[in-house]
Amino acid sequence: MVRFPATPQAIVFDLDGVLFDTEALYRDALLAAADEVGIHLPLSLCQRMVGLHGHAARLLLREHVGDEVDLDAVWEGASARYHALFDTDLRLKPGVTRLLDTLDELGIPRAIATSSPHATAIHHLDAFGLRERFDALVASGDCERCKPYPDAYLRAARILNTPTARCLALEDSLAGVRSATAAGVPTIMVPDLQQPSAELRRLCASVAANLDEVNQWLRETAHGVATAPPAH
C-alpha cells in the first residue's frame, strides 16, 4: 500500500469516467455506428479502448475490423452520436461536487488531465458550472503524447507547482493509471467500465468504490484519523 502525506498537496482528476459519466456514451455510440455498417464489435474491445486518445483507439479498432472497412464512416458516425448524447445524457459522476467542496474547504488545488479535446472538456465543465472550480486543464494537444504516457500528469503537476509524489491522481482506466503512475503520481482507481485487473491493483495505491469513499478518506486524513487511502 502506498502511503500518502498527511493530505495530498494537489489532486489531478481524469475527466471521462471519473468526473463525468461519459464512458458508456462513447461505448454505446461506437457500437451503434459499427452496427449500422454491419460490424459487430465485442464489448471486450470497447473496454480496451477506455481511456485512450482517439488515435490509439482508432488503431485498436482498425486491428479488429481490418483494412476493408471504411473506418472513417464508423468513427464519424460514432462522433455524431456521442455529441448528440452530450446534450441529452451527460451526467456528473456521483460525489463530484461533494469532493470539490471538500477540496475547497481544505484549500487543495486541483487539475484535470484528459485525452479528450479542450472543447469537449470545457463543454462538460460549463454544462455543470464547474470550469472555475479547477486550477488547470491539460487536454489533448497540450502534450506531445497522450495517455498511457506520463506527459499529461507531469504537465499538470508543473502547473500546480507540486511534486508528482505529493499529488494524487483519480483515474478509472488502465491507460490513465499507467499514465499517472509513470509520472510518479500515487493513484486511486475509481472503476467505471473497466474493473481493476491484477496489474491495476499493483499499480494503484488503492481502489475506491466511488468518489464519496475518496472524499471520506480525504476528510479523515486531513483531520488525522486515517493514514492510508481507502482499500477495496
Foldseek 3Di string as FASTA:
>chain_A
DDWAPLFFQAEEEEPDQAFKPQLVLLVVLLQVLCVVVPDHDDVVLSQVCPQDAPVVNLVSVCVVPDDPDPSVSSVVSSVVRSVVCCVPPIDTFPPPVVLLVLCVVVVHAYEYQGAADPVVRVSNCVVVVRPVSHPYYHYHPNDPDHFPAQGRLLVRCVSVVHQQCSYEYEEAGPRPLNNSVNSVHAYEYAHDPDDDDPVNCVSHQEYDPGNVQQSVQNVCSNVVNDGGRDHD
